[in-house]
PDB file of all heavy atoms in Angstrom:
ATOM      1  N   THR A   1       2.743   5.697 -36.469  1.00  0.00           N
ATOM      2  CA  THR A   1       3.339   7.062 -36.532  1.00  0.00           C
ATOM      3  C   THR A   1       4.838   6.957 -36.889  1.00  0.00           C
ATOM      4  O   THR A   1       5.447   6.030 -36.845  1.00  0.00           O
ATOM      5  CB  THR A   1       3.253   7.805 -35.281  1.00  0.00           C
ATOM      6  OG1 THR A   1       4.012   7.182 -34.302  1.00  0.00           O
ATOM      7  CG2 THR A   1       1.742   7.780 -34.749  1.00  0.00           C
ATOM      8  N   ALA A   2       5.361   8.123 -37.325  1.00  0.00           N
ATOM      9  CA  ALA A   2       6.763   8.234 -37.741  1.00  0.00           C
ATOM     10  C   ALA A   2       7.695   7.965 -36.452  1.00  0.00           C
ATOM     11  O   ALA A   2       8.660   7.194 -36.643  1.00  0.00           O
ATOM     12  CB  ALA A   2       7.093   9.569 -38.343  1.00  0.00           C
ATOM     13  N   ASP A   3       7.375   8.442 -35.381  1.00  0.00           N
ATOM     14  CA  ASP A   3       8.191   8.266 -34.148  1.00  0.00           C
ATOM     15  C   ASP A   3       8.171   6.767 -33.833  1.00  0.00           C
ATOM     16  O   ASP A   3       9.233   6.244 -33.518  1.00  0.00           O
ATOM     17  CB  ASP A   3       7.658   9.070 -32.980  1.00  0.00           C
ATOM     18  CG  ASP A   3       7.899  10.527 -33.180  1.00  0.00           C
ATOM     19  OD1 ASP A   3       8.725  10.884 -34.066  1.00  0.00           O
ATOM     20  OD2 ASP A   3       7.222  11.337 -32.443  1.00  0.00           O
ATOM     21  N   GLU A   4       6.971   6.060 -33.757  1.00  0.00           N
ATOM     22  CA  GLU A   4       6.898   4.695 -33.498  1.00  0.00           C
ATOM     23  C   GLU A   4       7.671   3.811 -34.479  1.00  0.00           C
ATOM     24  O   GLU A   4       8.297   2.874 -34.199  1.00  0.00           O
ATOM     25  CB  GLU A   4       5.494   4.278 -33.320  1.00  0.00           C
ATOM     26  CG  GLU A   4       4.741   4.809 -32.146  1.00  0.00           C
ATOM     27  CD  GLU A   4       3.283   4.400 -32.091  1.00  0.00           C
ATOM     28  OE1 GLU A   4       2.473   5.188 -32.811  1.00  0.00           O
ATOM     29  OE2 GLU A   4       2.898   3.457 -31.523  1.00  0.00           O
ATOM     30  N   ALA A   5       7.539   4.251 -35.781  1.00  0.00           N
ATOM     31  CA  ALA A   5       8.214   3.582 -36.839  1.00  0.00           C
ATOM     32  C   ALA A   5       9.762   3.633 -36.662  1.00  0.00           C
ATOM     33  O   ALA A   5      10.508   2.659 -36.803  1.00  0.00           O
ATOM     34  CB  ALA A   5       7.784   4.117 -38.200  1.00  0.00           C
ATOM     35  N   GLU A   6      10.262   4.813 -36.311  1.00  0.00           N
ATOM     36  CA  GLU A   6      11.739   4.899 -36.093  1.00  0.00           C
ATOM     37  C   GLU A   6      12.237   4.150 -34.925  1.00  0.00           C
ATOM     38  O   GLU A   6      13.252   3.467 -34.993  1.00  0.00           O
ATOM     39  CB  GLU A   6      12.074   6.481 -35.974  1.00  0.00           C
ATOM     40  CG  GLU A   6      11.850   7.271 -37.228  1.00  0.00           C
ATOM     41  CD  GLU A   6      12.216   8.694 -37.019  1.00  0.00           C
ATOM     42  OE1 GLU A   6      12.741   9.099 -35.983  1.00  0.00           O
ATOM     43  OE2 GLU A   6      11.921   9.493 -37.973  1.00  0.00           O
ATOM     44  N   ALA A   7      11.383   4.109 -33.844  1.00  0.00           N
ATOM     45  CA  ALA A   7      11.738   3.294 -32.681  1.00  0.00           C
ATOM     46  C   ALA A   7      11.772   1.784 -33.050  1.00  0.00           C
ATOM     47  O   ALA A   7      12.667   1.046 -32.609  1.00  0.00           O
ATOM     48  CB  ALA A   7      10.799   3.627 -31.547  1.00  0.00           C
ATOM     49  N   GLU A   8      10.739   1.343 -33.788  1.00  0.00           N
ATOM     50  CA  GLU A   8      10.696  -0.009 -34.239  1.00  0.00           C
ATOM     51  C   GLU A   8      11.880  -0.400 -35.051  1.00  0.00           C
ATOM     52  O   GLU A   8      12.494  -1.412 -34.895  1.00  0.00           O
ATOM     53  CB  GLU A   8       9.363  -0.306 -34.981  1.00  0.00           C
ATOM     54  CG  GLU A   8       9.421  -1.567 -35.791  1.00  0.00           C
ATOM     55  CD  GLU A   8       9.506  -2.799 -34.957  1.00  0.00           C
ATOM     56  OE1 GLU A   8       9.087  -2.857 -33.697  1.00  0.00           O
ATOM     57  OE2 GLU A   8      10.074  -3.810 -35.479  1.00  0.00           O
ATOM     58  N   PHE A   9      12.238   0.517 -36.034  1.00  0.00           N
ATOM     59  CA  PHE A   9      13.297   0.230 -36.905  1.00  0.00           C
ATOM     60  C   PHE A   9      14.654   0.188 -36.161  1.00  0.00           C
ATOM     61  O   PHE A   9      15.538  -0.619 -36.444  1.00  0.00           O
ATOM     62  CB  PHE A   9      13.390   1.225 -38.023  1.00  0.00           C
ATOM     63  CG  PHE A   9      14.372   0.922 -39.079  1.00  0.00           C
ATOM     64  CD1 PHE A   9      14.153  -0.060 -40.009  1.00  0.00           C
ATOM     65  CD2 PHE A   9      15.573   1.601 -39.141  1.00  0.00           C
ATOM     66  CE1 PHE A   9      15.117  -0.387 -40.966  1.00  0.00           C
ATOM     67  CE2 PHE A   9      16.550   1.288 -40.130  1.00  0.00           C
ATOM     68  CZ  PHE A   9      16.297   0.316 -41.024  1.00  0.00           C
ATOM     69  N   ALA A  10      14.795   1.039 -35.184  1.00  0.00           N
ATOM     70  CA  ALA A  10      16.027   1.110 -34.353  1.00  0.00           C
ATOM     71  C   ALA A  10      16.225  -0.242 -33.611  1.00  0.00           C
ATOM     72  O   ALA A  10      17.327  -0.749 -33.405  1.00  0.00           O
ATOM     73  CB  ALA A  10      15.939   2.222 -33.364  1.00  0.00           C
ATOM     74  N   ARG A  11      15.063  -0.846 -33.214  1.00  0.00           N
ATOM     75  CA  ARG A  11      15.132  -2.108 -32.435  1.00  0.00           C
ATOM     76  C   ARG A  11      15.365  -3.263 -33.360  1.00  0.00           C
ATOM     77  O   ARG A  11      16.262  -4.159 -33.103  1.00  0.00           O
ATOM     78  CB  ARG A  11      13.789  -2.319 -31.644  1.00  0.00           C
ATOM     79  CG  ARG A  11      13.672  -1.445 -30.432  1.00  0.00           C
ATOM     80  CD  ARG A  11      12.506  -1.980 -29.566  1.00  0.00           C
ATOM     81  NE  ARG A  11      11.244  -1.977 -30.322  1.00  0.00           N
ATOM     82  CZ  ARG A  11      10.415  -0.989 -30.402  1.00  0.00           C
ATOM     83  NH1 ARG A  11      10.656   0.168 -29.799  1.00  0.00           N
ATOM     84  NH2 ARG A  11       9.333  -1.051 -31.143  1.00  0.00           N
ATOM     85  N   ASN A  12      14.505  -3.376 -34.445  1.00  0.00           N
ATOM     86  CA  ASN A  12      14.503  -4.623 -35.192  1.00  0.00           C
ATOM     87  C   ASN A  12      14.877  -4.464 -36.661  1.00  0.00           C
ATOM     88  O   ASN A  12      14.728  -5.458 -37.401  1.00  0.00           O
ATOM     89  CB  ASN A  12      13.109  -5.231 -35.059  1.00  0.00           C
ATOM     90  CG  ASN A  12      12.769  -5.590 -33.693  1.00  0.00           C
ATOM     91  OD1 ASN A  12      13.524  -6.225 -32.979  1.00  0.00           O
ATOM     92  ND2 ASN A  12      11.607  -5.239 -33.180  1.00  0.00           N
ATOM     93  N   GLY A  13      15.309  -3.340 -37.085  1.00  0.00           N
ATOM     94  CA  GLY A  13      15.597  -3.134 -38.504  1.00  0.00           C
ATOM     95  C   GLY A  13      14.354  -3.220 -39.247  1.00  0.00           C
ATOM     96  O   GLY A  13      13.260  -2.790 -38.896  1.00  0.00           O
ATOM     97  N   ASP A  14      14.407  -3.972 -40.483  1.00  0.00           N
ATOM     98  CA  ASP A  14      13.274  -3.964 -41.459  1.00  0.00           C
ATOM     99  C   ASP A  14      12.565  -5.314 -41.245  1.00  0.00           C
ATOM    100  O   ASP A  14      11.746  -5.676 -42.175  1.00  0.00           O
ATOM    101  CB  ASP A  14      13.793  -3.850 -42.884  1.00  0.00           C
ATOM    102  CG  ASP A  14      14.790  -4.848 -43.279  1.00  0.00           C
ATOM    103  OD1 ASP A  14      15.034  -5.916 -42.555  1.00  0.00           O
ATOM    104  OD2 ASP A  14      15.415  -4.741 -44.367  1.00  0.00           O
ATOM    105  N   ILE A  15      12.651  -6.024 -40.124  1.00  0.00           N
ATOM    106  CA  ILE A  15      12.051  -7.266 -39.997  1.00  0.00           C
ATOM    107  C   ILE A  15      10.480  -7.180 -40.132  1.00  0.00           C
ATOM    108  O   ILE A  15       9.884  -7.941 -40.826  1.00  0.00           O
ATOM    109  CB  ILE A  15      12.357  -7.923 -38.574  1.00  0.00           C
ATOM    110  CG1 ILE A  15      13.831  -8.280 -38.533  1.00  0.00           C
ATOM    111  CG2 ILE A  15      11.577  -9.153 -38.306  1.00  0.00           C
ATOM    112  CD1 ILE A  15      14.262  -9.270 -39.563  1.00  0.00           C
ATOM    113  N   ARG A  16       9.948  -6.180 -39.462  1.00  0.00           N
ATOM    114  CA  ARG A  16       8.459  -6.063 -39.566  1.00  0.00           C
ATOM    115  C   ARG A  16       8.008  -5.726 -41.026  1.00  0.00           C
ATOM    116  O   ARG A  16       6.947  -6.117 -41.457  1.00  0.00           O
ATOM    117  CB  ARG A  16       7.927  -4.954 -38.641  1.00  0.00           C
ATOM    118  CG  ARG A  16       8.206  -5.166 -37.121  1.00  0.00           C
ATOM    119  CD  ARG A  16       7.206  -6.143 -36.584  1.00  0.00           C
ATOM    120  NE  ARG A  16       5.875  -5.475 -36.510  1.00  0.00           N
ATOM    121  CZ  ARG A  16       5.498  -4.633 -35.565  1.00  0.00           C
ATOM    122  NH1 ARG A  16       6.309  -4.286 -34.642  1.00  0.00           N
ATOM    123  NH2 ARG A  16       4.300  -4.098 -35.476  1.00  0.00           N
ATOM    124  N   LEU A  17       8.760  -4.975 -41.765  1.00  0.00           N
ATOM    125  CA  LEU A  17       8.559  -4.658 -43.127  1.00  0.00           C
ATOM    126  C   LEU A  17       8.603  -5.899 -43.978  1.00  0.00           C
ATOM    127  O   LEU A  17       7.727  -6.188 -44.805  1.00  0.00           O
ATOM    128  CB  LEU A  17       9.485  -3.656 -43.716  1.00  0.00           C
ATOM    129  CG  LEU A  17       9.045  -2.773 -44.884  1.00  0.00           C
ATOM    130  CD1 LEU A  17       7.740  -2.010 -44.510  1.00  0.00           C
ATOM    131  CD2 LEU A  17      10.214  -1.808 -45.206  1.00  0.00           C
ATOM    132  N   ARG A  18       9.600  -6.758 -43.688  1.00  0.00           N
ATOM    133  CA  ARG A  18       9.687  -8.090 -44.331  1.00  0.00           C
ATOM    134  C   ARG A  18       8.466  -8.972 -44.066  1.00  0.00           C
ATOM    135  O   ARG A  18       7.840  -9.555 -45.039  1.00  0.00           O
ATOM    136  CB  ARG A  18      10.985  -8.817 -43.919  1.00  0.00           C
ATOM    137  CG  ARG A  18      12.279  -8.151 -44.327  1.00  0.00           C
ATOM    138  CD  ARG A  18      13.430  -8.886 -43.658  1.00  0.00           C
ATOM    139  NE  ARG A  18      14.686  -8.290 -44.009  1.00  0.00           N
ATOM    140  CZ  ARG A  18      15.387  -8.699 -45.065  1.00  0.00           C
ATOM    141  NH1 ARG A  18      14.961  -9.674 -45.796  1.00  0.00           N
ATOM    142  NH2 ARG A  18      16.485  -8.118 -45.350  1.00  0.00           N
ATOM    143  N   GLN A  19       8.087  -8.967 -42.836  1.00  0.00           N
ATOM    144  CA  GLN A  19       6.967  -9.841 -42.469  1.00  0.00           C
ATOM    145  C   GLN A  19       5.682  -9.399 -43.106  1.00  0.00           C
ATOM    146  O   GLN A  19       4.760 -10.218 -43.446  1.00  0.00           O
ATOM    147  CB  GLN A  19       6.828  -9.895 -40.973  1.00  0.00           C
ATOM    148  CG  GLN A  19       8.003 -10.618 -40.276  1.00  0.00           C
ATOM    149  CD  GLN A  19       7.931 -10.523 -38.724  1.00  0.00           C
ATOM    150  OE1 GLN A  19       7.411  -9.576 -38.219  1.00  0.00           O
ATOM    151  NE2 GLN A  19       8.643 -11.474 -38.057  1.00  0.00           N
ATOM    152  N   ALA A  20       5.568  -8.060 -43.282  1.00  0.00           N
ATOM    153  CA  ALA A  20       4.308  -7.517 -43.827  1.00  0.00           C
ATOM    154  C   ALA A  20       4.185  -7.863 -45.336  1.00  0.00           C
ATOM    155  O   ALA A  20       2.999  -7.697 -45.937  1.00  0.00           O
ATOM    156  CB  ALA A  20       4.236  -6.039 -43.661  1.00  0.00           C
ATOM    157  N   LEU A  21       5.216  -8.272 -46.028  1.00  0.00           N
ATOM    158  CA  LEU A  21       5.162  -8.514 -47.408  1.00  0.00           C
ATOM    159  C   LEU A  21       4.284  -9.761 -47.748  1.00  0.00           C
ATOM    160  O   LEU A  21       3.554  -9.678 -48.654  1.00  0.00           O
ATOM    161  CB  LEU A  21       6.591  -8.831 -47.970  1.00  0.00           C
ATOM    162  CG  LEU A  21       7.453  -7.680 -48.273  1.00  0.00           C
ATOM    163  CD1 LEU A  21       8.978  -8.068 -48.477  1.00  0.00           C
ATOM    164  CD2 LEU A  21       6.953  -7.070 -49.635  1.00  0.00           C
ATOM    165  N   LEU A  22       4.327 -10.669 -46.834  1.00  0.00           N
ATOM    166  CA  LEU A  22       3.525 -11.947 -47.145  1.00  0.00           C
ATOM    167  C   LEU A  22       2.034 -11.714 -47.094  1.00  0.00           C
ATOM    168  O   LEU A  22       1.307 -12.120 -48.070  1.00  0.00           O
ATOM    169  CB  LEU A  22       3.967 -13.122 -46.255  1.00  0.00           C
ATOM    170  CG  LEU A  22       3.488 -14.432 -46.671  1.00  0.00           C
ATOM    171  CD1 LEU A  22       3.985 -14.775 -48.103  1.00  0.00           C
ATOM    172  CD2 LEU A  22       4.035 -15.551 -45.767  1.00  0.00           C
ATOM    173  N   PRO A  23       1.472 -11.130 -46.012  1.00  0.00           N
ATOM    174  CA  PRO A  23       0.050 -10.861 -46.075  1.00  0.00           C
ATOM    175  C   PRO A  23      -0.380  -9.947 -47.169  1.00  0.00           C
ATOM    176  O   PRO A  23      -1.460 -10.027 -47.735  1.00  0.00           O
ATOM    177  CB  PRO A  23      -0.308 -10.220 -44.750  1.00  0.00           C
ATOM    178  CG  PRO A  23       1.062  -9.778 -44.155  1.00  0.00           C
ATOM    179  CD  PRO A  23       2.061 -10.691 -44.695  1.00  0.00           C
ATOM    180  N   LEU A  24       0.558  -9.055 -47.588  1.00  0.00           N
ATOM    181  CA  LEU A  24       0.263  -8.190 -48.715  1.00  0.00           C
ATOM    182  C   LEU A  24       0.103  -9.055 -50.009  1.00  0.00           C
ATOM    183  O   LEU A  24      -0.931  -8.888 -50.679  1.00  0.00           O
ATOM    184  CB  LEU A  24       1.455  -7.196 -48.899  1.00  0.00           C
ATOM    185  CG  LEU A  24       1.477  -6.287 -50.196  1.00  0.00           C
ATOM    186  CD1 LEU A  24       0.353  -5.236 -50.086  1.00  0.00           C
ATOM    187  CD2 LEU A  24       2.845  -5.698 -50.438  1.00  0.00           C
ATOM    188  N   VAL A  25       1.007  -9.921 -50.195  1.00  0.00           N
ATOM    189  CA  VAL A  25       0.998 -10.707 -51.442  1.00  0.00           C
ATOM    190  C   VAL A  25      -0.162 -11.713 -51.452  1.00  0.00           C
ATOM    191  O   VAL A  25      -0.842 -11.878 -52.419  1.00  0.00           O
ATOM    192  CB  VAL A  25       2.363 -11.422 -51.690  1.00  0.00           C
ATOM    193  CG1 VAL A  25       2.267 -12.397 -52.837  1.00  0.00           C
ATOM    194  CG2 VAL A  25       3.495 -10.425 -51.883  1.00  0.00           C
ATOM    195  N   THR A  26      -0.416 -12.272 -50.277  1.00  0.00           N
ATOM    196  CA  THR A  26      -1.529 -13.227 -50.165  1.00  0.00           C
ATOM    197  C   THR A  26      -2.845 -12.631 -50.434  1.00  0.00           C
ATOM    198  O   THR A  26      -3.688 -13.124 -51.215  1.00  0.00           O
ATOM    199  CB  THR A  26      -1.569 -13.829 -48.655  1.00  0.00           C
ATOM    200  OG1 THR A  26      -0.373 -14.469 -48.337  1.00  0.00           O
ATOM    201  CG2 THR A  26      -2.793 -14.803 -48.588  1.00  0.00           C
ATOM    202  N   ARG A  27      -3.124 -11.409 -49.958  1.00  0.00           N
ATOM    203  CA  ARG A  27      -4.338 -10.737 -50.197  1.00  0.00           C
ATOM    204  C   ARG A  27      -4.504 -10.284 -51.718  1.00  0.00           C
ATOM    205  O   ARG A  27      -5.596 -10.336 -52.314  1.00  0.00           O
ATOM    206  CB  ARG A  27      -4.558  -9.487 -49.247  1.00  0.00           C
ATOM    207  CG  ARG A  27      -4.949  -9.889 -47.840  1.00  0.00           C
ATOM    208  CD  ARG A  27      -4.556  -8.924 -46.847  1.00  0.00           C
ATOM    209  NE  ARG A  27      -4.953  -9.277 -45.534  1.00  0.00           N
ATOM    210  CZ  ARG A  27      -4.498 -10.211 -44.710  1.00  0.00           C
ATOM    211  NH1 ARG A  27      -3.372 -10.858 -45.177  1.00  0.00           N
ATOM    212  NH2 ARG A  27      -4.984 -10.461 -43.539  1.00  0.00           N
ATOM    213  N   ARG A  28      -3.348  -9.951 -52.192  1.00  0.00           N
ATOM    214  CA  ARG A  28      -3.373  -9.486 -53.657  1.00  0.00           C
ATOM    215  C   ARG A  28      -3.630 -10.788 -54.506  1.00  0.00           C
ATOM    216  O   ARG A  28      -4.475 -10.595 -55.517  1.00  0.00           O
ATOM    217  CB  ARG A  28      -1.952  -8.956 -54.017  1.00  0.00           C
ATOM    218  CG  ARG A  28      -1.821  -8.216 -55.261  1.00  0.00           C
ATOM    219  CD  ARG A  28      -0.514  -7.606 -55.327  1.00  0.00           C
ATOM    220  NE  ARG A  28       0.546  -8.557 -55.715  1.00  0.00           N
ATOM    221  CZ  ARG A  28       1.786  -8.398 -55.374  1.00  0.00           C
ATOM    222  NH1 ARG A  28       2.201  -7.342 -54.686  1.00  0.00           N
ATOM    223  NH2 ARG A  28       2.712  -9.333 -55.674  1.00  0.00           N
ATOM    224  N   ARG A  29      -3.127 -11.823 -54.224  1.00  0.00           N
ATOM    225  CA  ARG A  29      -3.290 -13.048 -54.979  1.00  0.00           C
ATOM    226  C   ARG A  29      -4.726 -13.558 -54.961  1.00  0.00           C
ATOM    227  O   ARG A  29      -5.279 -14.025 -55.893  1.00  0.00           O
ATOM    228  CB  ARG A  29      -2.439 -14.162 -54.408  1.00  0.00           C
ATOM    229  CG  ARG A  29      -2.582 -15.517 -55.061  1.00  0.00           C
ATOM    230  CD  ARG A  29      -1.534 -16.520 -54.621  1.00  0.00           C
ATOM    231  NE  ARG A  29      -1.407 -16.595 -53.215  1.00  0.00           N
ATOM    232  CZ  ARG A  29      -2.166 -17.307 -52.439  1.00  0.00           C
ATOM    233  NH1 ARG A  29      -3.223 -18.020 -52.994  1.00  0.00           N
ATOM    234  NH2 ARG A  29      -2.036 -17.360 -51.153  1.00  0.00           N
ATOM    235  N   LEU A  30      -5.434 -13.229 -53.804  1.00  0.00           N
ATOM    236  CA  LEU A  30      -6.833 -13.638 -53.640  1.00  0.00           C
ATOM    237  C   LEU A  30      -7.852 -12.549 -54.131  1.00  0.00           C
ATOM    238  O   LEU A  30      -9.043 -12.717 -54.076  1.00  0.00           O
ATOM    239  CB  LEU A  30      -7.100 -13.934 -52.171  1.00  0.00           C
ATOM    240  CG  LEU A  30      -6.335 -15.061 -51.546  1.00  0.00           C
ATOM    241  CD1 LEU A  30      -6.642 -15.082 -50.058  1.00  0.00           C
ATOM    242  CD2 LEU A  30      -6.673 -16.322 -52.216  1.00  0.00           C
ATOM    243  N   GLY A  31      -7.322 -11.459 -54.673  1.00  0.00           N
ATOM    244  CA  GLY A  31      -8.191 -10.473 -55.240  1.00  0.00           C
ATOM    245  C   GLY A  31      -8.706  -9.505 -54.190  1.00  0.00           C
ATOM    246  O   GLY A  31      -9.633  -8.707 -54.433  1.00  0.00           O
ATOM    247  N   ARG A  32      -8.169  -9.458 -53.004  1.00  0.00           N
ATOM    248  CA  ARG A  32      -8.612  -8.599 -51.861  1.00  0.00           C
ATOM    249  C   ARG A  32      -7.754  -7.403 -51.907  1.00  0.00           C
ATOM    250  O   ARG A  32      -6.868  -7.095 -51.129  1.00  0.00           O
ATOM    251  CB  ARG A  32      -8.489  -9.334 -50.595  1.00  0.00           C
ATOM    252  CG  ARG A  32      -9.564 -10.483 -50.534  1.00  0.00           C
ATOM    253  CD  ARG A  32      -9.205 -11.593 -49.541  1.00  0.00           C
ATOM    254  NE  ARG A  32      -9.245 -11.132 -48.068  1.00  0.00           N
ATOM    255  CZ  ARG A  32      -9.247 -12.008 -47.055  1.00  0.00           C
ATOM    256  NH1 ARG A  32      -9.478 -13.282 -47.242  1.00  0.00           N
ATOM    257  NH2 ARG A  32      -9.276 -11.537 -45.838  1.00  0.00           N
ATOM    258  N   PHE A  33      -7.933  -6.547 -53.053  1.00  0.00           N
ATOM    259  CA  PHE A  33      -6.991  -5.522 -53.297  1.00  0.00           C
ATOM    260  C   PHE A  33      -7.008  -4.346 -52.311  1.00  0.00           C
ATOM    261  O   PHE A  33      -6.029  -3.764 -52.013  1.00  0.00           O
ATOM    262  CB  PHE A  33      -7.192  -4.982 -54.737  1.00  0.00           C
ATOM    263  CG  PHE A  33      -7.089  -6.087 -55.780  1.00  0.00           C
ATOM    264  CD1 PHE A  33      -8.096  -6.430 -56.634  1.00  0.00           C
ATOM    265  CD2 PHE A  33      -5.894  -6.795 -55.908  1.00  0.00           C
ATOM    266  CE1 PHE A  33      -7.960  -7.382 -57.558  1.00  0.00           C
ATOM    267  CE2 PHE A  33      -5.716  -7.745 -56.842  1.00  0.00           C
ATOM    268  CZ  PHE A  33      -6.721  -8.086 -57.767  1.00  0.00           C
ATOM    269  N   GLU A  34      -8.197  -4.016 -51.849  1.00  0.00           N
ATOM    270  CA  GLU A  34      -8.259  -2.871 -50.915  1.00  0.00           C
ATOM    271  C   GLU A  34      -7.547  -3.220 -49.591  1.00  0.00           C
ATOM    272  O   GLU A  34      -6.874  -2.435 -49.008  1.00  0.00           O
ATOM    273  CB  GLU A  34      -9.794  -2.549 -50.622  1.00  0.00           C
ATOM    274  CG  GLU A  34      -9.984  -1.329 -49.717  1.00  0.00           C
ATOM    275  CD  GLU A  34      -9.130  -0.111 -50.141  1.00  0.00           C
ATOM    276  OE1 GLU A  34      -9.039   0.171 -51.322  1.00  0.00           O
ATOM    277  OE2 GLU A  34      -8.522   0.465 -49.266  1.00  0.00           O
ATOM    278  N   GLU A  35      -7.658  -4.472 -49.143  1.00  0.00           N
ATOM    279  CA  GLU A  35      -6.970  -4.964 -47.923  1.00  0.00           C
ATOM    280  C   GLU A  35      -5.433  -4.841 -48.170  1.00  0.00           C
ATOM    281  O   GLU A  35      -4.682  -4.444 -47.264  1.00  0.00           O
ATOM    282  CB  GLU A  35      -7.359  -6.338 -47.657  1.00  0.00           C
ATOM    283  CG  GLU A  35      -8.771  -6.514 -47.057  1.00  0.00           C
ATOM    284  CD  GLU A  35      -9.111  -7.911 -46.707  1.00  0.00           C
ATOM    285  OE1 GLU A  35      -8.207  -8.660 -46.231  1.00  0.00           O
ATOM    286  OE2 GLU A  35     -10.206  -8.358 -47.075  1.00  0.00           O
ATOM    287  N   ALA A  36      -5.020  -5.222 -49.379  1.00  0.00           N
ATOM    288  CA  ALA A  36      -3.637  -5.172 -49.736  1.00  0.00           C
ATOM    289  C   ALA A  36      -3.110  -3.738 -49.730  1.00  0.00           C
ATOM    290  O   ALA A  36      -1.958  -3.442 -49.195  1.00  0.00           O
ATOM    291  CB  ALA A  36      -3.344  -5.845 -51.104  1.00  0.00           C
ATOM    292  N   MET A  37      -3.883  -2.893 -50.285  1.00  0.00           N
ATOM    293  CA  MET A  37      -3.455  -1.502 -50.379  1.00  0.00           C
ATOM    294  C   MET A  37      -3.557  -0.881 -48.940  1.00  0.00           C
ATOM    295  O   MET A  37      -2.717  -0.006 -48.571  1.00  0.00           O
ATOM    296  CB  MET A  37      -4.461  -0.731 -51.285  1.00  0.00           C
ATOM    297  CG  MET A  37      -4.229  -0.953 -52.780  1.00  0.00           C
ATOM    298  SD  MET A  37      -2.537  -0.562 -53.326  1.00  0.00           S
ATOM    299  CE  MET A  37      -2.560   1.241 -53.162  1.00  0.00           C
TER     300      MET A  37
END
């Protein structure tokens, strides 16, 4: 949710967003496009 996201960002900045990039790219590379989306 937006509230939880703002609280997370206030604590850790964009670290979680950075970390989510790798599973996104990994699934995309393997053709698991719906999981990536």
